[in-house]
């Protein structure tokens, strides 16, 4: 069941709502709650689709080109001033 409600909980909620609002307004309130939930779900679906579309439009970030250390020849990233392996200045 949604929200962890058991059938007995739903019956208690229905009885309390019946006492508070009366039998004539319950169908109207149920219709309003159903409409609100449908609109909320539609909004969530629209937002997730828009987010997915934007993610797909965004180009992947390219990794910086790798270079080789002048001293030891191990691969290093562009822009590094020192080799992480041997410590030689680049």
PDB file of N, CA and C in Angstrom:
ATOM      1  N   UNK A   1       0.847  -1.183   0.000  1.00  0.00           N
ATOM      2  CA  UNK A   1       0.000   0.000   0.000  1.00  0.00           C
ATOM      3  C   UNK A   1       0.891   1.243   0.000  1.00  0.00           C
ATOM      4  N   UNK A   2       0.392   2.326  -0.566  1.00  0.00           N
ATOM      5  CA  UNK A   2       1.187   3.551  -0.588  1.00  0.00           C
ATOM      6  C   UNK A   2       1.367   4.130   0.813  1.00  0.00           C
ATOM      7  N   UNK A   3       2.518   4.683   1.056  1.00  0.00           N
ATOM      8  CA  UNK A   3       2.860   5.359   2.316  1.00  0.00           C
ATOM      9  C   UNK A   3       2.831   4.420   3.517  1.00  0.00           C
ATOM     10  N   UNK A   4       2.868   3.117   3.293  1.00  0.00           N
ATOM     11  CA  UNK A   4       2.886   2.161   4.388  1.00  0.00           C
ATOM     12  C   UNK A   4       1.558   2.042   5.123  1.00  0.00           C
ATOM     13  N   UNK A   5       0.465   2.465   4.477  1.00  0.00           N
ATOM     14  CA  UNK A   5      -0.849   2.375   5.121  1.00  0.00           C
ATOM     15  C   UNK A   5      -1.425   0.982   4.951  1.00  0.00           C
ATOM     16  N   UNK A   6      -2.035   0.491   5.998  1.00  0.00           N
ATOM     17  CA  UNK A   6      -2.707  -0.794   5.951  1.00  0.00           C
ATOM     18  C   UNK A   6      -4.197  -0.550   5.757  1.00  0.00           C
ATOM     19  N   UNK A   7      -4.957  -1.563   5.345  1.00  0.00           N
ATOM     20  CA  UNK A   7      -6.399  -1.370   5.121  1.00  0.00           C
ATOM     21  C   UNK A   7      -7.133  -0.827   6.347  1.00  0.00           C
ATOM     22  N   UNK A   8      -6.721  -1.241   7.543  1.00  0.00           N
ATOM     23  CA  UNK A   8      -7.400  -0.720   8.740  1.00  0.00           C
ATOM     24  C   UNK A   8      -7.152   0.774   8.907  1.00  0.00           C
ATOM     25  N   UNK A   9      -5.958   1.222   8.550  1.00  0.00           N
ATOM     26  CA  UNK A   9      -5.668   2.663   8.627  1.00  0.00           C
ATOM     27  C   UNK A   9      -6.561   3.436   7.668  1.00  0.00           C
ATOM     28  N   UNK A  10      -6.743   2.909   6.467  1.00  0.00           N
ATOM     29  CA  UNK A  10      -7.588   3.585   5.477  1.00  0.00           C
ATOM     30  C   UNK A  10      -9.034   3.648   5.943  1.00  0.00           C
ATOM     31  N   UNK A  11      -9.520   2.613   6.569  1.00  0.00           N
ATOM     32  CA  UNK A  11     -10.900   2.600   7.075  1.00  0.00           C
ATOM     33  C   UNK A  11     -11.067   3.652   8.171  1.00  0.00           C
ATOM     34  N   UNK A  12     -10.102   3.740   9.066  1.00  0.00           N
ATOM     35  CA  UNK A  12     -10.165   4.739  10.142  1.00  0.00           C
ATOM     36  C   UNK A  12     -10.150   6.148   9.550  1.00  0.00           C
ATOM     37  N   UNK A  13      -9.296   6.385   8.583  1.00  0.00           N
ATOM     38  CA  UNK A  13      -9.236   7.705   7.935  1.00  0.00           C
ATOM     39  C   UNK A  13     -10.562   8.025   7.254  1.00  0.00           C
ATOM     40  N   UNK A  14     -11.159   7.043   6.580  1.00  0.00           N
ATOM     41  CA  UNK A  14     -12.439   7.245   5.906  1.00  0.00           C
ATOM     42  C   UNK A  14     -13.543   7.575   6.906  1.00  0.00           C
ATOM     43  N   UNK A  15     -13.589   6.878   8.039  1.00  0.00           N
ATOM     44  CA  UNK A  15     -14.612   7.137   9.058  1.00  0.00           C
ATOM     45  C   UNK A  15     -14.446   8.543   9.633  1.00  0.00           C
ATOM     46  N   UNK A  16     -13.212   8.942   9.921  1.00  0.00           N
ATOM     47  CA  UNK A  16     -12.971  10.294  10.461  1.00  0.00           C
ATOM     48  C   UNK A  16     -13.365  11.350   9.435  1.00  0.00           C
ATOM     49  N   UNK A  17     -13.008  11.130   8.156  1.00  0.00           N
ATOM     50  CA  UNK A  17     -13.391  12.081   7.111  1.00  0.00           C
ATOM     51  C   UNK A  17     -14.903  12.158   6.971  1.00  0.00           C
ATOM     52  N   UNK A  18     -15.577  11.020   7.091  1.00  0.00           N
ATOM     53  CA  UNK A  18     -17.035  10.998   7.013  1.00  0.00           C
ATOM     54  C   UNK A  18     -17.653  11.806   8.146  1.00  0.00           C
ATOM     55  N   UNK A  19     -17.095  11.691   9.348  1.00  0.00           N
ATOM     56  CA  UNK A  19     -17.611  12.443  10.484  1.00  0.00           C
ATOM     57  C   UNK A  19     -17.349  13.935  10.340  1.00  0.00           C
ATOM     58  N   UNK A  20     -16.183  14.299   9.799  1.00  0.00           N
ATOM     59  CA  UNK A  20     -15.816  15.714   9.692  1.00  0.00           C
ATOM     60  C   UNK A  20     -16.563  16.398   8.552  1.00  0.00           C
ATOM     61  N   UNK A  21     -16.566  15.793   7.367  1.00  0.00           N
ATOM     62  CA  UNK A  21     -17.101  16.462   6.182  1.00  0.00           C
ATOM     63  C   UNK A  21     -18.530  16.077   5.847  1.00  0.00           C
ATOM     64  N   UNK A  22     -18.996  14.971   6.321  1.00  0.00           N
ATOM     65  CA  UNK A  22     -20.356  14.525   6.004  1.00  0.00           C
ATOM     66  C   UNK A  22     -20.371  13.731   4.709  1.00  0.00           C
ATOM     67  N   UNK A  23     -21.416  12.921   4.542  1.00  0.00           N
ATOM     68  CA  UNK A  23     -21.473  12.042   3.369  1.00  0.00           C
ATOM     69  C   UNK A  23     -21.664  12.774   2.046  1.00  0.00           C
ATOM     70  N   UNK A  24     -22.222  13.975   2.065  1.00  0.00           N
ATOM     71  CA  UNK A  24     -22.481  14.677   0.798  1.00  0.00           C
ATOM     72  C   UNK A  24     -21.215  15.266   0.178  1.00  0.00           C
ATOM     73  N   UNK A  25     -20.229  15.599   0.994  1.00  0.00           N
ATOM     74  CA  UNK A  25     -19.009  16.230   0.455  1.00  0.00           C
ATOM     75  C   UNK A  25     -17.885  15.242   0.172  1.00  0.00           C
ATOM     76  N   UNK A  26     -17.978  13.983   0.641  1.00  0.00           N
ATOM     77  CA  UNK A  26     -16.898  13.011   0.440  1.00  0.00           C
ATOM     78  C   UNK A  26     -16.577  12.750  -1.029  1.00  0.00           C
ATOM     79  N   UNK A  27     -17.564  12.558  -1.922  1.00  0.00           N
ATOM     80  CA  UNK A  27     -17.207  12.337  -3.333  1.00  0.00           C
ATOM     81  C   UNK A  27     -16.468  13.538  -3.942  1.00  0.00           C
ATOM     82  N   UNK A  28     -16.889  14.720  -3.558  1.00  0.00           N
ATOM     83  CA  UNK A  28     -16.238  15.938  -4.060  1.00  0.00           C
ATOM     84  C   UNK A  28     -14.785  16.021  -3.575  1.00  0.00           C
ATOM     85  N   UNK A  29     -14.552  15.690  -2.329  1.00  0.00           N
ATOM     86  CA  UNK A  29     -13.204  15.723  -1.768  1.00  0.00           C
ATOM     87  C   UNK A  29     -12.336  14.638  -2.397  1.00  0.00           C
ATOM     88  N   UNK A  30     -12.895  13.443  -2.590  1.00  0.00           N
ATOM     89  CA  UNK A  30     -12.152  12.366  -3.243  1.00  0.00           C
ATOM     90  C   UNK A  30     -11.754  12.727  -4.659  1.00  0.00           C
ATOM     91  N   UNK A  31     -12.669  13.359  -5.375  1.00  0.00           N
ATOM     92  CA  UNK A  31     -12.375  13.797  -6.743  1.00  0.00           C
ATOM     93  C   UNK A  31     -11.257  14.833  -6.745  1.00  0.00           C
ATOM     94  N   UNK A  32     -11.296  15.759  -5.812  1.00  0.00           N
ATOM     95  CA  UNK A  32     -10.254  16.793  -5.724  1.00  0.00           C
ATOM     96  C   UNK A  32      -8.895  16.185  -5.406  1.00  0.00           C
ATOM     97  N   UNK A  33      -8.863  15.233  -4.500  1.00  0.00           N
ATOM     98  CA  UNK A  33      -7.598  14.580  -4.134  1.00  0.00           C
ATOM     99  C   UNK A  33      -7.051  13.796  -5.325  1.00  0.00           C
ATOM    100  N   UNK A  34      -7.915  13.070  -6.035  1.00  0.00           N
ATOM    101  CA  UNK A  34      -7.492  12.312  -7.212  1.00  0.00           C
ATOM    102  C   UNK A  34      -6.932  13.222  -8.299  1.00  0.00           C
ATOM    103  N   UNK A  35      -7.601  14.341  -8.536  1.00  0.00           N
ATOM    104  CA  UNK A  35      -7.146  15.297  -9.552  1.00  0.00           C
ATOM    105  C   UNK A  35      -5.792  15.884  -9.163  1.00  0.00           C
ATOM    106  N   UNK A  36      -5.639  16.223  -7.898  1.00  0.00           N
ATOM    107  CA  UNK A  36      -4.377  16.775  -7.413  1.00  0.00           C
ATOM    108  C   UNK A  36      -3.234  15.776  -7.581  1.00  0.00           C
ATOM    109  N   UNK A  37      -3.492  14.519  -7.254  1.00  0.00           N
ATOM    110  CA  UNK A  37      -2.450  13.489  -7.390  1.00  0.00           C
ATOM    111  C   UNK A  37      -2.070  13.276  -8.849  1.00  0.00           C
ATOM    112  N   UNK A  38      -3.050  13.266  -9.751  1.00  0.00           N
ATOM    113  CA  UNK A  38      -2.761  13.107 -11.183  1.00  0.00           C
ATOM    114  C   UNK A  38      -1.922  14.267 -11.703  1.00  0.00           C
ATOM    115  N   UNK A  39      -2.265  15.485 -11.304  1.00  0.00           N
ATOM    116  CA  UNK A  39      -1.502  16.658 -11.738  1.00  0.00           C
ATOM    117  C   UNK A  39      -0.075  16.623 -11.181  1.00  0.00           C
ATOM    118  N   UNK A  40       0.069  16.199  -9.947  1.00  0.00           N
ATOM    119  CA  UNK A  40       1.394  16.095  -9.342  1.00  0.00           C
ATOM    120  C   UNK A  40       2.246  15.064 -10.073  1.00  0.00           C
ATOM    121  N   UNK A  41       1.672  13.898 -10.375  1.00  0.00           N
ATOM    122  CA  UNK A  41       2.403  12.863 -11.100  1.00  0.00           C
ATOM    123  C   UNK A  41       2.768  13.326 -12.504  1.00  0.00           C
ATOM    124  N   UNK A  42       1.863  14.041 -13.169  1.00  0.00           N
ATOM    125  CA  UNK A  42       2.152  14.559 -14.511  1.00  0.00           C
ATOM    126  C   UNK A  42       3.286  15.577 -14.444  1.00  0.00           C
ATOM    127  N   UNK A  43       3.293  16.421 -13.420  1.00  0.00           N
ATOM    128  CA  UNK A  43       4.374  17.399 -13.252  1.00  0.00           C
ATOM    129  C   UNK A  43       5.709  16.722 -13.002  1.00  0.00           C
ATOM    130  N   UNK A  44       5.712  15.676 -12.179  1.00  0.00           N
ATOM    131  CA  UNK A  44       6.952  14.933 -11.937  1.00  0.00           C
ATOM    132  C   UNK A  44       7.459  14.284 -13.217  1.00  0.00           C
ATOM    133  N   UNK A  45       6.555  13.698 -13.979  1.00  0.00           N
ATOM    134  CA  UNK A  45       6.944  13.040 -15.237  1.00  0.00           C
ATOM    135  C   UNK A  45       7.517  14.064 -16.211  1.00  0.00           C
ATOM    136  N   UNK A  46       6.872  15.216 -16.324  1.00  0.00           N
ATOM    137  CA  UNK A  46       7.344  16.271 -17.222  1.00  0.00           C
ATOM    138  C   UNK A  46       8.717  16.788 -16.795  1.00  0.00           C
ATOM    139  N   UNK A  47       8.905  16.971 -15.505  1.00  0.00           N
ATOM    140  CA  UNK A  47      10.193  17.455 -15.000  1.00  0.00           C
ATOM    141  C   UNK A  47      11.294  16.435 -15.247  1.00  0.00           C
ATOM    142  N   UNK A  48      11.012  15.161 -15.026  1.00  0.00           N
ATOM    143  CA  UNK A  48      12.046  14.138 -15.236  1.00  0.00           C
ATOM    144  C   UNK A  48      12.370  13.993 -16.717  1.00  0.00           C
ATOM    145  N   UNK A  49      11.376  14.128 -17.593  1.00  0.00           N
ATOM    146  CA  UNK A  49      11.640  14.073 -19.027  1.00  0.00           C
ATOM    147  C   UNK A  49      12.486  15.264 -19.466  1.00  0.00           C
ATOM    148  N   UNK A  50      12.183  16.448 -18.957  1.00  0.00           N
ATOM    149  CA  UNK A  50      12.969  17.631 -19.287  1.00  0.00           C
ATOM    150  C   UNK A  50      14.401  17.496 -18.802  1.00  0.00           C
ATOM    151  N   UNK A  51      14.567  16.956 -17.616  1.00  0.00           N
ATOM    152  CA  UNK A  51      15.904  16.750 -17.069  1.00  0.00           C
ATOM    153  C   UNK A  51      16.680  15.755 -17.918  1.00  0.00           C
ATOM    154  N   UNK A  52      16.009  14.659 -18.309  1.00  0.00           N
ATOM    155  CA  UNK A  52      16.655  13.636 -19.141  1.00  0.00           C
ATOM    156  C   UNK A  52      17.060  14.224 -20.494  1.00  0.00           C
ATOM    157  N   UNK A  53      16.196  15.032 -21.087  1.00  0.00           N
ATOM    158  CA  UNK A  53      16.515  15.657 -22.378  1.00  0.00           C
ATOM    159  C   UNK A  53      17.715  16.582 -22.253  1.00  0.00           C
ATOM    160  N   UNK A  54      17.780  17.353 -21.180  1.00  0.00           N
ATOM    161  CA  UNK A  54      18.911  18.261 -20.997  1.00  0.00           C
ATOM    162  C   UNK A  54      20.210  17.496 -20.792  1.00  0.00           C
ATOM    163  N   UNK A  55      20.142  16.399 -20.073  1.00  0.00           N
ATOM    164  CA  UNK A  55      21.332  15.570 -19.854  1.00  0.00           C
ATOM    165  C   UNK A  55      21.815  15.010 -21.186  1.00  0.00           C
ATOM    166  N   UNK A  56      20.882  14.577 -22.024  1.00  0.00           N
ATOM    167  CA  UNK A  56      21.261  14.002 -23.309  1.00  0.00           C
ATOM    168  C   UNK A  56      21.823  15.060 -24.251  1.00  0.00           C
ATOM    169  N   UNK A  57      21.392  16.311 -24.123  1.00  0.00           N
ATOM    170  CA  UNK A  57      21.897  17.399 -24.971  1.00  0.00           C
ATOM    171  C   UNK A  57      23.316  17.797 -24.603  1.00  0.00           C
ATOM    172  N   UNK A  58      23.654  17.684 -23.330  1.00  0.00           N
ATOM    173  CA  UNK A  58      24.958  18.119 -22.852  1.00  0.00           C
ATOM    174  C   UNK A  58      26.046  17.195 -23.383  1.00  0.00           C
ATOM    175  N   UNK A  59      27.042  17.754 -24.080  1.00  0.00           N
ATOM    176  CA  UNK A  59      28.114  16.894 -24.587  1.00  0.00           C
ATOM    177  C   UNK A  59      28.984  16.401 -23.438  1.00  0.00           C
ATOM    178  N   UNK A  60      29.505  15.202 -23.559  1.00  0.00           N
ATOM    179  CA  UNK A  60      30.371  14.692 -22.486  1.00  0.00           C
ATOM    180  C   UNK A  60      31.657  15.496 -22.404  1.00  0.00           C
ATOM    181  N   UNK A  61      32.154  15.656 -21.201  1.00  0.00           N
ATOM    182  CA  UNK A  61      33.391  16.392 -20.980  1.00  0.00           C
ATOM    183  C   UNK A  61      34.571  15.538 -21.428  1.00  0.00           C
ATOM    184  N   UNK A  62      35.411  16.126 -22.263  1.00  0.00           N
ATOM    185  CA  UNK A  62      36.585  15.405 -22.743  1.00  0.00           C
ATOM    186  C   UNK A  62      37.683  15.448 -21.682  1.00  0.00           C
ATOM    187  N   UNK A  63      38.417  14.362 -21.568  1.00  0.00           N
ATOM    188  CA  UNK A  63      39.540  14.332 -20.644  1.00  0.00           C
ATOM    189  C   UNK A  63      40.681  15.152 -21.241  1.00  0.00           C
ATOM    190  N   UNK A  64      41.456  15.806 -20.402  1.00  0.00           N
ATOM    191  CA  UNK A  64      42.594  16.548 -20.925  1.00  0.00           C
ATOM    192  C   UNK A  64      43.591  15.574 -21.554  1.00  0.00           C
ATOM    193  N   UNK A  65      44.277  16.029 -22.601  1.00  0.00           N
ATOM    194  CA  UNK A  65      45.220  15.120 -23.262  1.00  0.00           C
ATOM    195  C   UNK A  65      46.351  14.722 -22.317  1.00  0.00           C
ATOM    196  N   UNK A  66      46.787  13.487 -22.444  1.00  0.00           N
ATOM    197  CA  UNK A  66      47.878  12.994 -21.595  1.00  0.00           C
ATOM    198  C   UNK A  66      49.191  13.145 -22.350  1.00  0.00           C
ATOM    199  N   UNK A  67      50.185  13.549 -21.624  1.00  0.00           N
ATOM    200  CA  UNK A  67      51.523  13.712 -22.179  1.00  0.00           C
ATOM    201  C   UNK A  67      52.467  12.757 -21.472  1.00  0.00           C
ATOM    202  N   UNK A  68      53.687  12.706 -21.938  1.00  0.00           N
ATOM    203  CA  UNK A  68      54.694  11.856 -21.297  1.00  0.00           C
ATOM    204  C   UNK A  68      55.704  12.737 -20.573  1.00  0.00           C
ATOM    205  N   UNK A  69      56.178  12.244 -19.432  1.00  0.00           N
ATOM    206  CA  UNK A  69      57.193  12.946 -18.647  1.00  0.00           C
ATOM    207  C   UNK A  69      58.477  13.040 -19.476  1.00  0.00           C
ATOM    208  N   UNK A  70      59.125  14.192 -19.416  1.00  0.00           N
ATOM    209  CA  UNK A  70      60.369  14.398 -20.160  1.00  0.00           C
ATOM    210  C   UNK A  70      61.506  13.552 -19.600  1.00  0.00           C
ATOM    211  N   UNK A  71      61.409  13.210 -18.323  1.00  0.00           N
ATOM    212  CA  UNK A  71      62.485  12.485 -17.678  1.00  0.00           C
ATOM    213  C   UNK A  71      62.273  10.966 -17.697  1.00  0.00           C
ATOM    214  N   UNK A  72      61.121  10.498 -17.199  1.00  0.00           N
ATOM    215  CA  UNK A  72      60.918   9.053 -17.063  1.00  0.00           C
ATOM    216  C   UNK A  72      60.016   8.456 -18.145  1.00  0.00           C
ATOM    217  N   UNK A  73      59.287   9.300 -18.885  1.00  0.00           N
ATOM    218  CA  UNK A  73      58.436   8.808 -19.955  1.00  0.00           C
ATOM    219  C   UNK A  73      57.067   8.316 -19.508  1.00  0.00           C
ATOM    220  N   UNK A  74      56.738   8.392 -18.217  1.00  0.00           N
ATOM    221  CA  UNK A  74      55.435   7.971 -17.708  1.00  0.00           C
ATOM    222  C   UNK A  74      54.376   8.990 -18.143  1.00  0.00           C
ATOM    223  N   UNK A  75      53.135   8.547 -18.344  1.00  0.00           N
ATOM    224  CA  UNK A  75      52.086   9.487 -18.761  1.00  0.00           C
ATOM    225  C   UNK A  75      51.744  10.479 -17.646  1.00  0.00           C
ATOM    226  N   UNK A  76      51.568  11.746 -18.032  1.00  0.00           N
ATOM    227  CA  UNK A  76      51.132  12.802 -17.109  1.00  0.00           C
ATOM    228  C   UNK A  76      50.057  13.611 -17.805  1.00  0.00           C
ATOM    229  N   UNK A  77      49.263  14.338 -17.045  1.00  0.00           N
ATOM    230  CA  UNK A  77      48.212  15.170 -17.619  1.00  0.00           C
ATOM    231  C   UNK A  77      48.806  16.501 -18.059  1.00  0.00           C
ATOM    232  N   UNK A  78      48.170  17.091 -19.080  1.00  0.00           N
ATOM    233  CA  UNK A  78      48.630  18.376 -19.584  1.00  0.00           C
ATOM    234  C   UNK A  78      48.486  19.433 -18.485  1.00  0.00           C
ATOM    235  N   UNK A  79      49.457  20.316 -18.385  1.00  0.00           N
ATOM    236  CA  UNK A  79      49.422  21.401 -17.414  1.00  0.00           C
ATOM    237  C   UNK A  79      50.104  21.073 -16.103  1.00  0.00           C
ATOM    238  N   UNK A  80      50.538  19.853 -15.908  1.00  0.00           N
ATOM    239  CA  UNK A  80      51.245  19.499 -14.674  1.00  0.00           C
ATOM    240  C   UNK A  80      52.655  20.057 -14.735  1.00  0.00           C
ATOM    241  N   UNK A  81      53.107  20.617 -13.630  1.00  0.00           N
ATOM    242  CA  UNK A  81      54.442  21.207 -13.588  1.00  0.00           C
ATOM    243  C   UNK A  81      55.503  20.197 -13.180  1.00  0.00           C
ATOM    244  N   UNK A  82      55.084  19.137 -12.481  1.00  0.00           N
ATOM    245  CA  UNK A  82      56.016  18.110 -12.027  1.00  0.00           C
ATOM    246  C   UNK A  82      55.413  16.743 -12.303  1.00  0.00           C
ATOM    247  N   UNK A  83      56.267  15.781 -12.585  1.00  0.00           N
ATOM    248  CA  UNK A  83      55.843  14.399 -12.808  1.00  0.00           C
ATOM    249  C   UNK A  83      55.471  13.767 -11.467  1.00  0.00           C
ATOM    250  N   UNK A  84      54.303  13.136 -11.337  1.00  0.00           N
ATOM    251  CA  UNK A  84      53.934  12.505 -10.079  1.00  0.00           C
ATOM    252  C   UNK A  84      54.766  11.254  -9.778  1.00  0.00           C
ATOM    253  N   UNK A  85      55.402  10.675 -10.796  1.00  0.00           N
ATOM    254  CA  UNK A  85      56.202   9.471 -10.604  1.00  0.00           C
ATOM    255  C   UNK A  85      57.627   9.792 -10.137  1.00  0.00           C
ATOM    256  N   UNK A  86      58.315  10.633 -10.936  1.00  0.00           N
ATOM    257  CA  UNK A  86      59.722  10.876 -10.630  1.00  0.00           C
ATOM    258  C   UNK A  86      59.981  12.262 -10.042  1.00  0.00           C
ATOM    259  N   UNK A  87      58.982  13.172 -10.122  1.00  0.00           N
ATOM    260  CA  UNK A  87      59.129  14.494  -9.549  1.00  0.00           C
ATOM    261  C   UNK A  87      59.890  15.475 -10.421  1.00  0.00           C
ATOM    262  N   UNK A  88      60.241  15.101 -11.647  1.00  0.00           N
ATOM    263  CA  UNK A  88      60.988  15.992 -12.537  1.00  0.00           C
ATOM    264  C   UNK A  88      60.127  17.141 -13.003  1.00  0.00           C
ATOM    265  N   UNK A  89      60.723  18.322 -13.128  1.00  0.00           N
ATOM    266  CA  UNK A  89      60.023  19.497 -13.628  1.00  0.00           C
ATOM    267  C   UNK A  89      59.708  19.306 -15.104  1.00  0.00           C
ATOM    268  N   UNK A  90      58.581  19.797 -15.497  1.00  0.00           N
ATOM    269  CA  UNK A  90      58.171  19.651 -16.892  1.00  0.00           C
ATOM    270  C   UNK A  90      58.357  20.950 -17.580  1.00  0.00           C
TER     271      UNK A  90
END
